[in-house]
Amino acid sequence: MNLFIEVKDGKPINHPAVEPNLLQVFGHIPSNWEPFNRIEKPGTEIYEVFVSEYPVYEKVNGVWSDVWHKRPMTDEEKKQQNMKYRIV
């Protein structure tokens, strides 16, 4: 399924749409709609968390995509994680 996202002033707006919907509405893919890749939420490594519950839309290799930013856990988060799983 081909996805496209509307772009204004070089930034994506709203959410991606499927190609058949755009063709039904416009009869073609408007020039301000660019290809989009849906990327599933990846896993995390130990002591790593996501910056947000949701992806951000960024252009990667010329194509808009979901990008899942991660960060290392803080010392406090590590302590809570260790207590949760009783890691000593």
N, C-alpha and C. Protein backbone atom coordinates (compact mmCIF):
# COMPACT_ATOMS: atom_id res chain seq x y z
N MET A 1 0.85 -1.17 0.00
CA MET A 1 0.00 0.00 0.00
C MET A 1 0.90 1.24 0.00
N ASN A 2 0.72 2.09 -0.97
CA ASN A 2 1.51 3.33 -1.07
C ASN A 2 0.88 4.42 -0.22
N LEU A 3 1.72 5.05 0.58
CA LEU A 3 1.28 6.15 1.43
C LEU A 3 1.93 7.44 0.96
N PHE A 4 1.22 8.55 1.21
CA PHE A 4 1.73 9.88 0.88
C PHE A 4 1.38 10.80 2.03
N ILE A 5 2.22 11.84 2.23
CA ILE A 5 1.93 12.81 3.27
C ILE A 5 1.98 14.21 2.66
N GLU A 6 1.08 15.06 3.10
CA GLU A 6 1.02 16.43 2.61
C GLU A 6 2.17 17.22 3.21
N VAL A 7 2.84 18.01 2.37
CA VAL A 7 4.00 18.80 2.80
C VAL A 7 3.74 20.27 2.48
N LYS A 8 3.98 21.13 3.47
CA LYS A 8 3.82 22.57 3.29
C LYS A 8 5.05 23.24 3.87
N ASP A 9 5.68 24.11 3.10
CA ASP A 9 6.89 24.81 3.52
C ASP A 9 7.96 23.83 4.01
N GLY A 10 8.06 22.68 3.33
CA GLY A 10 9.09 21.70 3.65
C GLY A 10 8.83 20.86 4.88
N LYS A 11 7.62 20.98 5.45
CA LYS A 11 7.28 20.22 6.66
C LYS A 11 6.00 19.42 6.43
N PRO A 12 5.98 18.19 6.98
CA PRO A 12 4.76 17.39 6.82
C PRO A 12 3.63 17.95 7.68
N ILE A 13 2.43 17.88 7.15
CA ILE A 13 1.26 18.30 7.93
C ILE A 13 0.26 17.15 7.95
N ASN A 14 -0.48 17.07 9.02
CA ASN A 14 -1.46 16.01 9.22
C ASN A 14 -0.80 14.64 9.23
N HIS A 15 -1.50 13.64 8.73
CA HIS A 15 -1.01 12.26 8.76
C HIS A 15 -1.01 11.70 7.35
N PRO A 16 -0.27 10.62 7.12
CA PRO A 16 -0.22 10.03 5.79
C PRO A 16 -1.61 9.55 5.32
N ALA A 17 -1.75 9.51 4.00
CA ALA A 17 -2.99 9.02 3.37
C ALA A 17 -2.61 7.94 2.37
N VAL A 18 -3.53 7.01 2.15
CA VAL A 18 -3.28 5.95 1.17
C VAL A 18 -3.56 6.47 -0.24
N GLU A 19 -2.79 5.95 -1.17
CA GLU A 19 -2.87 6.39 -2.56
C GLU A 19 -4.29 6.34 -3.15
N PRO A 20 -5.04 5.24 -2.96
CA PRO A 20 -6.40 5.21 -3.54
C PRO A 20 -7.29 6.36 -3.05
N ASN A 21 -7.14 6.76 -1.79
CA ASN A 21 -7.95 7.87 -1.27
C ASN A 21 -7.60 9.18 -1.97
N LEU A 22 -6.31 9.41 -2.17
CA LEU A 22 -5.90 10.64 -2.85
C LEU A 22 -6.38 10.64 -4.30
N LEU A 23 -6.29 9.49 -4.96
CA LEU A 23 -6.76 9.40 -6.35
C LEU A 23 -8.26 9.62 -6.45
N GLN A 24 -8.98 9.12 -5.45
CA GLN A 24 -10.43 9.31 -5.45
C GLN A 24 -10.79 10.78 -5.26
N VAL A 25 -10.08 11.46 -4.38
CA VAL A 25 -10.38 12.86 -4.08
C VAL A 25 -9.88 13.81 -5.17
N PHE A 26 -8.61 13.62 -5.59
CA PHE A 26 -7.99 14.57 -6.51
C PHE A 26 -7.90 14.08 -7.96
N GLY A 27 -7.99 12.76 -8.15
CA GLY A 27 -7.83 12.22 -9.50
C GLY A 27 -6.37 11.99 -9.86
N HIS A 28 -5.47 12.43 -9.01
CA HIS A 28 -4.02 12.27 -9.19
C HIS A 28 -3.36 12.51 -7.83
N ILE A 29 -2.06 12.31 -7.75
CA ILE A 29 -1.33 12.63 -6.51
C ILE A 29 -0.83 14.07 -6.64
N PRO A 30 -1.38 14.99 -5.84
CA PRO A 30 -0.94 16.39 -5.93
C PRO A 30 0.56 16.53 -5.65
N SER A 31 1.17 17.53 -6.23
CA SER A 31 2.62 17.72 -6.11
C SER A 31 3.07 18.01 -4.68
N ASN A 32 2.15 18.48 -3.83
CA ASN A 32 2.53 18.77 -2.44
C ASN A 32 2.32 17.55 -1.53
N TRP A 33 2.03 16.40 -2.11
CA TRP A 33 1.95 15.14 -1.37
C TRP A 33 3.15 14.31 -1.77
N GLU A 34 3.96 13.90 -0.79
CA GLU A 34 5.18 13.16 -1.07
C GLU A 34 5.10 11.75 -0.49
N PRO A 35 5.86 10.81 -1.06
CA PRO A 35 5.85 9.43 -0.57
C PRO A 35 6.19 9.34 0.91
N PHE A 36 5.59 8.34 1.56
CA PHE A 36 5.78 8.14 3.00
C PHE A 36 5.96 6.65 3.28
N ASN A 37 6.93 6.32 4.15
CA ASN A 37 7.15 4.94 4.59
C ASN A 37 6.70 4.79 6.03
N ARG A 38 5.80 3.85 6.27
CA ARG A 38 5.37 3.54 7.63
C ARG A 38 6.40 2.58 8.22
N ILE A 39 6.96 2.94 9.37
CA ILE A 39 7.95 2.11 10.05
C ILE A 39 7.38 1.68 11.39
N GLU A 40 7.33 0.36 11.60
CA GLU A 40 6.81 -0.16 12.87
C GLU A 40 7.73 0.22 14.02
N LYS A 41 7.16 0.33 15.19
CA LYS A 41 7.92 0.67 16.39
C LYS A 41 8.93 -0.45 16.67
N PRO A 42 10.22 -0.09 16.72
CA PRO A 42 11.24 -1.11 16.98
C PRO A 42 11.31 -1.44 18.47
N GLY A 43 12.08 -2.44 18.78
CA GLY A 43 12.30 -2.77 20.18
C GLY A 43 13.38 -1.86 20.77
N THR A 44 13.60 -2.00 22.04
CA THR A 44 14.66 -1.24 22.70
C THR A 44 15.68 -2.20 23.29
N GLU A 45 16.87 -1.70 23.47
CA GLU A 45 17.92 -2.45 24.15
C GLU A 45 17.76 -2.23 25.65
N ILE A 46 18.51 -2.99 26.43
CA ILE A 46 18.45 -2.81 27.88
C ILE A 46 18.90 -1.38 28.22
N TYR A 47 18.21 -0.77 29.14
CA TYR A 47 18.49 0.60 29.59
C TYR A 47 18.33 1.63 28.48
N GLU A 48 17.35 1.40 27.62
CA GLU A 48 17.04 2.33 26.54
C GLU A 48 15.53 2.53 26.51
N VAL A 49 15.08 3.76 26.29
CA VAL A 49 13.65 4.06 26.23
C VAL A 49 13.36 4.98 25.05
N PHE A 50 12.08 5.00 24.65
CA PHE A 50 11.69 5.91 23.59
C PHE A 50 11.50 7.32 24.14
N VAL A 51 11.85 8.30 23.33
CA VAL A 51 11.67 9.70 23.70
C VAL A 51 10.19 10.02 23.77
N SER A 52 9.39 9.38 22.91
CA SER A 52 7.94 9.61 22.84
C SER A 52 7.24 8.30 22.55
N GLU A 53 5.97 8.24 22.90
CA GLU A 53 5.15 7.06 22.59
C GLU A 53 4.84 7.00 21.09
N TYR A 54 5.06 8.10 20.40
CA TYR A 54 4.68 8.20 18.99
C TYR A 54 5.89 8.57 18.14
N PRO A 55 5.88 8.15 16.87
CA PRO A 55 7.00 8.53 16.00
C PRO A 55 6.86 9.98 15.56
N VAL A 56 7.95 10.52 15.06
CA VAL A 56 7.92 11.82 14.39
C VAL A 56 8.10 11.55 12.91
N TYR A 57 7.62 12.46 12.09
CA TYR A 57 7.76 12.30 10.65
C TYR A 57 9.01 13.08 10.21
N GLU A 58 9.96 12.36 9.64
CA GLU A 58 11.19 12.97 9.15
C GLU A 58 11.51 12.43 7.77
N LYS A 59 12.22 13.22 6.99
CA LYS A 59 12.63 12.78 5.67
C LYS A 59 13.93 11.99 5.81
N VAL A 60 13.91 10.74 5.37
CA VAL A 60 15.07 9.86 5.45
C VAL A 60 15.38 9.37 4.04
N ASN A 61 16.58 9.68 3.56
CA ASN A 61 16.97 9.30 2.19
C ASN A 61 15.95 9.77 1.16
N GLY A 62 15.43 10.97 1.36
CA GLY A 62 14.51 11.57 0.40
C GLY A 62 13.06 11.15 0.51
N VAL A 63 12.73 10.31 1.51
CA VAL A 63 11.35 9.83 1.67
C VAL A 63 10.91 10.07 3.11
N TRP A 64 9.70 10.60 3.29
CA TRP A 64 9.16 10.81 4.63
C TRP A 64 8.92 9.46 5.29
N SER A 65 9.24 9.37 6.59
CA SER A 65 9.11 8.11 7.32
C SER A 65 8.77 8.37 8.77
N ASP A 66 8.24 7.33 9.42
CA ASP A 66 8.14 7.35 10.87
C ASP A 66 9.55 7.19 11.41
N VAL A 67 9.91 8.01 12.38
CA VAL A 67 11.22 7.88 13.03
C VAL A 67 10.96 7.79 14.53
N TRP A 68 11.50 6.73 15.13
CA TRP A 68 11.33 6.46 16.55
C TRP A 68 12.62 6.82 17.27
N HIS A 69 12.62 7.92 17.99
CA HIS A 69 13.82 8.33 18.70
C HIS A 69 13.92 7.64 20.06
N LYS A 70 15.13 7.18 20.37
CA LYS A 70 15.39 6.51 21.64
C LYS A 70 16.45 7.31 22.40
N ARG A 71 16.53 7.04 23.69
CA ARG A 71 17.56 7.66 24.52
C ARG A 71 17.95 6.68 25.61
N PRO A 72 19.15 6.86 26.18
CA PRO A 72 19.54 6.02 27.31
C PRO A 72 18.69 6.37 28.54
N MET A 73 18.44 5.38 29.38
CA MET A 73 17.73 5.64 30.63
C MET A 73 18.60 6.49 31.55
N THR A 74 17.93 7.29 32.37
CA THR A 74 18.64 8.01 33.42
C THR A 74 19.02 7.01 34.51
N ASP A 75 19.90 7.42 35.41
CA ASP A 75 20.27 6.55 36.53
C ASP A 75 19.04 6.18 37.36
N GLU A 76 18.14 7.13 37.55
CA GLU A 76 16.92 6.85 38.32
C GLU A 76 16.04 5.83 37.59
N GLU A 77 15.90 5.96 36.29
CA GLU A 77 15.11 5.00 35.51
C GLU A 77 15.74 3.61 35.57
N LYS A 78 17.05 3.56 35.52
CA LYS A 78 17.74 2.26 35.62
C LYS A 78 17.47 1.62 36.98
N LYS A 79 17.52 2.43 38.03
CA LYS A 79 17.26 1.92 39.38
C LYS A 79 15.85 1.35 39.46
N GLN A 80 14.86 2.09 38.93
CA GLN A 80 13.48 1.62 38.94
C GLN A 80 13.32 0.35 38.11
N GLN A 81 14.00 0.29 36.97
CA GLN A 81 13.95 -0.89 36.12
C GLN A 81 14.54 -2.10 36.84
N ASN A 82 15.67 -1.90 37.52
CA ASN A 82 16.30 -2.99 38.27
C ASN A 82 15.39 -3.49 39.39
N MET A 83 14.73 -2.56 40.09
CA MET A 83 13.82 -2.95 41.16
C MET A 83 12.61 -3.71 40.61
N LYS A 84 12.14 -3.27 39.44
CA LYS A 84 10.98 -3.91 38.82
C LYS A 84 11.28 -5.37 38.48
N TYR A 85 12.47 -5.63 38.00
CA TYR A 85 12.85 -6.99 37.62
C TYR A 85 13.78 -7.66 38.64
N ARG A 86 14.00 -6.96 39.77
CA ARG A 86 14.85 -7.47 40.84
C ARG A 86 16.22 -7.90 40.36
N ILE A 87 16.80 -7.03 39.50
CA ILE A 87 18.15 -7.28 39.04
C ILE A 87 19.10 -6.73 40.09
N VAL A 88 20.07 -7.50 40.48
CA VAL A 88 21.00 -7.05 41.51
C VAL A 88 22.37 -6.82 40.93
